[in-house]
């Protein structure tokens, strides 16, 4: 019911890796991107790219994305717009850490075979992304983002061709970042946030008017050790993928289901129980009743998992 495979850095791009993103293209092809580095995650990092064709049982050899930059790159986010264009957002560190991040984007018209030159999306320092956007029926695209300097969460919005973004909502206070945005079967929007500091629990907020307004963020009962989260809508429920621990560690990687929009959560089950970092999950609900996910595995590999939707019943 669960298939797994490891993805590795390009041979000459360092031994460490982190923060993957995954996309199932409209054709069914899978793409994954993460950042690869040698010693410090915020120095000389490049973006690694892997793909898997429909008829290929294993992932193709990882390549380095040819992005011309003198800066360290990080936090890639893949998404595909309705007309087929694939976007890859990422940050370039114009300083020594994430609070000096600047948001860029490239896009592909051929499912990742070739990419455009980078475009600057946000010039102010500290704007970060972690998870893909949601497209509304109106064509508006809502992108969860956060300000690394203020440790606050933001929603950026854009209209076709999705090249100009503006702040459409700001969540005040609460010290919450790296939100993941999902649309439920009832067409409501729900956001979940990881904490940046104590109290160490996942937070949530809802919108019933297509992102125009949001409920005051409130804590869920799900613990979080200051680590990335991912959430998907599956089987009329919400599945949260996260590190379920009260300890200051990023393992195990667990899954918990909510059948009431995030108010209550069922007992979690363990996806990966190794005694080292398994973190920063990125999961999507794909076609053919299949859930795809990638996450950091001991900072040495990226682990890909393919899970039958029935596992989330």
Protein backbone atom coordinates (compact mmCIF):
# COMPACT_ATOMS: atom_id res chain seq x y z
CA UNK A 1 0.00 0.00 0.00
CA UNK A 2 3.03 2.27 0.49
CA UNK A 3 5.82 2.35 -2.09
CA UNK A 4 9.04 4.25 -1.41
CA UNK A 5 12.16 5.35 -3.26
CA UNK A 6 15.13 7.55 -2.40
CA UNK A 7 16.12 10.58 -4.49
CA UNK A 8 19.72 11.78 -4.35
CA UNK A 9 21.61 14.99 -5.02
CA UNK A 10 23.53 15.48 -8.24
CA UNK A 11 26.97 13.96 -7.72
CA UNK A 12 28.92 17.23 -7.44
CA UNK A 13 26.45 19.38 -5.46
CA UNK A 14 27.12 18.49 -1.84
CA UNK A 15 26.03 15.68 0.45
CA UNK A 16 23.12 17.42 2.19
CA UNK A 17 19.58 18.12 0.99
CA UNK A 18 16.37 19.60 2.36
CA UNK A 19 12.94 21.10 1.78
CA UNK A 20 11.52 19.17 -1.23
CA UNK A 21 8.47 20.04 -3.30
CA UNK A 22 6.51 17.70 -5.56
CA UNK A 23 4.11 18.14 -8.49
CA UNK A 24 2.03 15.72 -10.51
CA UNK A 25 1.74 17.30 -13.96
CA UNK A 26 -1.52 17.26 -15.85
CA UNK A 27 -0.04 14.44 -17.96
CA UNK A 28 0.71 12.38 -14.86
CA UNK A 29 4.46 13.01 -14.91
CA UNK A 30 5.99 13.61 -11.49
CA UNK A 31 8.48 16.41 -10.74
CA UNK A 32 10.42 17.03 -7.54
CA UNK A 33 12.78 19.86 -6.56
CA UNK A 34 14.81 20.45 -3.40
CA UNK A 35 17.91 22.34 -2.39
CA UNK A 36 21.32 20.66 -2.18
CA UNK A 37 24.23 21.98 -0.16
CA UNK A 38 27.60 20.98 1.22
CA UNK A 39 27.94 22.20 4.83
CA UNK A 40 25.62 25.11 5.73
CA UNK A 41 22.11 25.07 4.26
CA UNK A 42 22.21 28.81 3.62
CA UNK A 43 25.55 28.88 1.75
CA UNK A 44 26.15 27.84 -1.87
CA UNK A 45 22.95 25.80 -2.12
CA UNK A 46 21.63 24.87 -5.56
CA UNK A 47 18.29 23.44 -6.70
CA UNK A 48 18.15 19.74 -7.59
CA UNK A 49 15.51 18.47 -10.03
CA UNK A 50 14.17 14.94 -10.52
CA UNK A 51 11.36 13.60 -12.69
CA UNK A 52 9.47 10.39 -13.23
CA UNK A 53 7.56 9.55 -16.39
CA UNK A 54 4.31 7.63 -16.40
CA UNK A 55 5.83 4.46 -17.87
CA UNK A 56 9.09 4.63 -15.91
CA UNK A 57 9.22 2.52 -12.73
CA UNK A 58 11.98 4.61 -11.15
CA UNK A 59 12.89 8.28 -11.00
CA UNK A 60 15.28 9.69 -13.58
CA UNK A 61 18.79 10.77 -12.56
CA UNK A 62 18.73 14.01 -10.60
CA UNK A 63 19.97 17.14 -12.36
CA UNK A 64 20.94 20.61 -11.19
CA UNK A 65 18.59 23.32 -12.39
CA UNK A 66 20.67 25.76 -14.47
CA UNK A 67 19.71 28.90 -12.58
CA UNK A 68 22.30 31.67 -12.97
CA UNK A 69 22.82 33.06 -9.47
CA UNK A 70 25.68 34.07 -7.21
CA UNK A 71 23.43 33.51 -4.20
CA UNK A 72 22.46 30.44 -2.21
CA UNK A 73 19.04 29.11 -3.27
CA UNK A 74 16.31 27.47 -1.20
CA UNK A 75 12.65 26.68 -0.43
CA UNK A 76 11.48 25.65 -3.91
CA UNK A 77 7.74 25.39 -4.63
CA UNK A 78 6.31 23.74 -7.75
CA UNK A 79 2.83 24.31 -9.14
CA UNK A 80 1.03 24.09 -12.48
CA UNK A 81 -1.50 26.61 -13.68
CA UNK A 82 -4.67 25.48 -15.52
CA UNK A 83 -3.25 26.20 -18.99
CA UNK A 84 -0.32 23.85 -18.36
CA UNK A 85 2.55 26.20 -17.56
CA UNK A 86 4.64 24.92 -14.65
CA UNK A 87 6.03 27.43 -12.18
CA UNK A 88 8.90 27.00 -9.79
CA UNK A 89 9.25 29.58 -7.05
CA UNK A 90 12.34 29.73 -4.85
CA UNK A 91 14.34 32.17 -2.75
CA UNK A 92 17.85 33.54 -3.20
CA UNK A 93 19.69 34.53 -0.02
CA UNK A 94 21.20 37.96 -0.54
CA UNK A 95 22.78 37.80 2.88
CA UNK A 96 23.69 35.22 5.46
CA UNK A 97 20.33 33.73 6.39
CA UNK A 98 16.64 33.35 5.46
CA UNK A 99 15.70 36.84 6.60
CA UNK A 100 17.72 38.07 3.61
CA UNK A 101 15.71 35.95 1.15
CA UNK A 102 14.37 37.40 -2.10
CA UNK A 103 11.59 35.61 -3.99
CA UNK A 104 12.17 34.51 -7.60
CA UNK A 105 10.38 32.36 -10.16
CA UNK A 106 11.11 30.39 -13.32
CA UNK A 107 8.61 28.50 -15.45
CA UNK A 108 8.51 25.67 -17.95
CA UNK A 109 6.22 25.01 -20.92
CA UNK A 110 7.51 21.44 -21.45
CA UNK A 111 7.09 19.78 -18.06
CA UNK A 112 10.51 20.67 -16.77
CA UNK A 113 12.69 19.86 -19.78
CA UNK A 114 13.58 23.54 -20.19
CA UNK A 115 13.10 26.59 -17.97
CA UNK A 116 13.00 30.34 -18.44
CA UNK A 117 15.48 32.76 -16.94
CA UNK A 118 14.63 33.86 -13.38
CA UNK A 119 12.12 36.63 -12.72
CA UNK A 120 12.07 38.65 -9.53
CA UNK A 121 8.68 38.26 -7.83
CA UNK A 122 9.24 40.17 -4.59
CA UNK A 123 12.13 42.54 -3.95
CA UNK A 124 11.63 43.08 -0.21
CA UNK A 125 13.89 40.92 1.93
CA UNK A 126 12.42 38.07 3.94
CA UNK A 127 9.48 36.97 1.78
CA UNK A 128 9.41 33.15 1.82
CA UNK A 129 7.27 30.32 0.43
CA UNK A 130 6.97 26.68 1.39
CA UNK A 131 3.83 25.15 -0.18
CA UNK A 132 1.99 25.54 -3.51
CA UNK A 133 -0.97 27.86 -4.13
CA UNK A 134 -4.65 27.13 -4.65
CA UNK A 135 -6.50 28.22 -7.79
CA UNK A 136 -9.99 29.59 -7.27
CA UNK A 137 -12.79 29.11 -9.79
CA UNK A 138 -12.43 32.80 -10.68
CA UNK A 139 -8.89 32.16 -11.89
CA UNK A 140 -7.33 33.96 -8.93
CA UNK A 141 -4.35 32.16 -7.43
CA UNK A 142 -3.79 32.28 -3.65
CA UNK A 143 -0.27 31.55 -2.45
CA UNK A 144 0.59 30.93 1.21
CA UNK A 145 3.74 32.86 2.14
CA UNK A 146 5.44 34.27 5.21
CA UNK A 147 7.73 37.08 6.25
CA UNK A 148 10.87 35.57 7.77
CA UNK A 149 11.82 38.90 9.35
CA UNK A 150 8.51 39.46 11.12
CA UNK A 151 7.72 35.74 11.57
CA UNK A 152 4.22 36.38 10.24
CA UNK A 153 2.07 34.59 7.65
CA UNK A 154 0.76 36.22 4.49
CA UNK A 155 -1.37 35.31 1.49
CA UNK A 156 -0.16 36.50 -1.89
CA UNK A 157 -2.62 36.61 -4.79
CA UNK A 158 -2.27 36.85 -8.55
CA UNK A 159 -4.33 36.79 -11.73
CA UNK A 160 -3.30 35.16 -15.02
CA UNK A 161 -0.53 34.99 -16.22
CA UNK A 162 0.52 34.80 -12.55
CA UNK A 163 3.59 36.98 -12.94
CA UNK A 164 2.59 39.81 -10.58
CA UNK A 165 1.78 39.11 -6.93
CA UNK A 166 0.38 41.28 -4.18
CA UNK A 167 -0.48 40.80 -0.52
CA UNK A 168 -4.19 40.02 -0.22
CA UNK A 169 -4.24 39.06 3.46
CA UNK A 170 -1.96 39.29 6.51
CA UNK A 171 -2.37 37.19 9.64
CA UNK A 172 -1.60 39.30 12.67
CA UNK A 173 0.58 37.99 15.48
CA UNK A 174 0.78 34.41 16.76
CA UNK A 175 4.35 33.82 15.48
CA UNK A 176 3.22 31.28 12.83
CA UNK A 177 4.96 30.50 9.53
CA UNK A 178 5.25 28.02 6.62
CA UNK A 179 1.52 27.62 6.10
CA UNK A 180 -0.09 25.01 3.89
CA UNK A 181 -3.36 25.91 2.12
CA UNK A 182 -6.03 23.42 1.06
CA UNK A 183 -9.47 23.62 -0.48
CA UNK A 184 -12.01 21.20 0.94
CA UNK A 185 -14.71 19.35 -0.99
CA UNK A 186 -17.17 22.03 0.20
CA UNK A 187 -14.98 24.65 -1.56
CA UNK A 188 -13.95 26.25 1.73
CA UNK A 189 -10.32 27.15 2.38
CA UNK A 190 -8.29 26.01 5.36
CA UNK A 191 -4.75 27.00 6.29
CA UNK A 192 -2.48 25.26 8.74
CA UNK A 193 0.67 26.86 10.15
CA UNK A 194 3.72 25.58 11.99
CA UNK A 195 4.85 27.57 15.03
CA UNK A 196 8.07 29.54 15.09
CA UNK A 197 8.27 29.48 18.89
CA UNK A 198 6.33 28.23 21.90
CA UNK A 199 3.62 27.02 22.25
CA UNK A 200 4.68 24.22 19.94
CA UNK A 201 1.43 23.22 18.27
CA UNK A 202 0.07 23.41 14.73
CA UNK A 203 -2.32 26.31 14.14
CA UNK A 204 -5.31 26.63 11.80
CA UNK A 205 -7.53 29.24 10.15
CA UNK A 206 -10.60 28.99 7.87
CA UNK A 207 -12.09 31.09 5.09
CA UNK A 208 -15.66 30.71 3.82
CA UNK A 209 -15.49 33.54 1.26
CA UNK A 210 -12.73 32.39 -1.10
CA UNK A 211 -9.93 33.93 0.92
CA UNK A 212 -11.45 37.36 1.41
CA UNK A 213 -11.49 36.98 5.18
CA UNK A 214 -10.06 34.45 7.62
CA UNK A 215 -10.84 33.27 11.12
CA UNK A 216 -8.45 34.18 13.90
CA UNK A 217 -5.72 31.49 13.93
CA UNK A 218 -6.14 29.01 16.75
CA UNK A 219 -4.12 26.09 18.03
CA UNK A 220 -4.92 22.52 17.14
CA UNK A 221 -4.06 19.68 19.55
CA UNK A 222 -1.33 18.47 17.18
CA UNK A 223 2.21 19.00 18.56
CA UNK A 224 5.00 20.41 16.43
CA UNK A 225 8.75 20.54 17.20
CA UNK A 226 9.26 23.73 15.12
CA UNK A 227 9.31 21.76 11.88
CA UNK A 228 7.56 21.84 8.51
CA UNK A 229 4.09 20.39 7.96
CA UNK A 230 1.94 19.35 4.99
CA UNK A 231 -1.81 18.88 4.67
CA UNK A 232 -4.02 17.45 1.93
CA UNK A 233 -7.73 16.98 1.38
CA UNK A 234 -8.48 13.26 0.90
CA UNK A 235 -11.58 11.09 1.29
CA UNK A 236 -13.65 14.03 2.56
CA UNK A 237 -11.11 14.45 5.36
CA UNK A 238 -7.97 16.46 6.05
CA UNK A 239 -4.73 14.52 6.40
CA UNK A 240 -1.92 16.23 8.30
CA UNK A 241 1.64 15.00 7.74
CA UNK A 242 3.93 16.25 10.49
CA UNK A 243 6.41 15.33 13.24
CA UNK A 244 4.19 14.17 16.09
CA UNK A 245 6.44 14.74 19.09
CA UNK A 246 6.78 16.98 22.12
CA UNK A 247 10.55 16.57 22.03
CA UNK A 248 12.95 18.91 20.27
CA UNK A 249 13.47 16.50 17.37
CA UNK A 250 12.22 16.02 13.84
CA UNK A 251 11.06 12.39 14.04
CA UNK A 252 8.95 10.35 13.74
CA UNK A 253 6.96 11.48 10.70
CA UNK A 254 3.28 10.88 11.36
CA UNK A 255 -0.17 11.25 9.82
CA UNK A 256 -3.38 12.30 11.54
CA UNK A 257 -6.87 12.64 10.04
CA UNK A 258 -9.57 15.18 10.78
CA UNK A 259 -13.12 14.56 9.56
CA UNK A 260 -14.53 17.88 10.79
CA UNK A 261 -12.34 20.47 9.10
CA UNK A 262 -9.51 20.39 11.60
CA UNK A 263 -11.46 20.72 14.86
CA UNK A 264 -10.75 17.21 16.12
CA UNK A 265 -8.06 14.75 15.08
CA UNK A 266 -7.88 10.97 15.15
CA UNK A 267 -5.01 9.08 16.71
CA UNK A 268 -1.94 9.50 14.52
CA UNK A 269 -0.22 6.69 12.68
CA UNK A 270 3.49 6.58 11.92
CA UNK A 271 4.70 6.99 8.36
CA UNK A 272 8.45 6.88 9.12
CA UNK A 273 9.88 5.94 12.50
CA UNK A 274 13.65 6.14 12.00
CA UNK A 275 15.62 7.80 14.86
CA UNK A 276 16.88 10.74 12.80
CA UNK A 277 15.44 13.66 10.88
CA UNK A 278 12.47 12.89 8.64
CA UNK A 279 11.01 16.31 8.09
CA UNK A 280 9.55 19.01 5.85
CA UNK A 281 6.96 16.85 4.08
CA UNK A 282 5.36 17.92 0.82
CA UNK A 283 2.32 15.80 -0.04
CA UNK A 284 -0.24 16.02 -2.83
CA UNK A 285 -3.44 14.21 -3.77
CA UNK A 286 -2.78 12.86 -7.25
CA UNK A 287 -4.82 11.06 -9.87
CA UNK A 288 -5.80 7.38 -9.77
CA UNK A 289 -6.57 7.48 -6.03
CA UNK A 290 -2.91 8.00 -5.24
CA UNK A 291 -1.17 10.24 -2.71
CA UNK A 292 2.40 11.30 -3.52
CA UNK A 293 4.83 12.70 -0.98
CA UNK A 294 8.45 13.72 -0.53
CA UNK A 295 10.36 14.64 2.60
CA UNK A 296 13.87 15.18 3.94
CA UNK A 297 15.55 11.95 5.08
CA UNK A 298 18.46 12.56 7.47
CA UNK A 299 19.53 15.56 5.34
CA UNK A 300 21.24 13.01 3.04
CA UNK A 301 18.42 11.94 0.74
CA UNK A 302 14.90 12.88 -0.26
CA UNK A 303 12.41 10.10 0.32
CA UNK A 304 9.51 9.69 -2.10
CA UNK A 305 6.43 7.73 -1.06
CA UNK A 306 3.42 6.63 -3.06
CA UNK A 307 0.39 5.76 -0.92
CA UNK A 308 -2.96 4.33 -1.94
CA UNK A 309 -5.81 6.65 -1.00
CA UNK A 310 -7.42 3.80 0.97
CA UNK A 311 -4.69 4.20 3.60
CA UNK A 312 -6.37 7.47 4.58
CA UNK A 313 -9.85 6.04 5.18
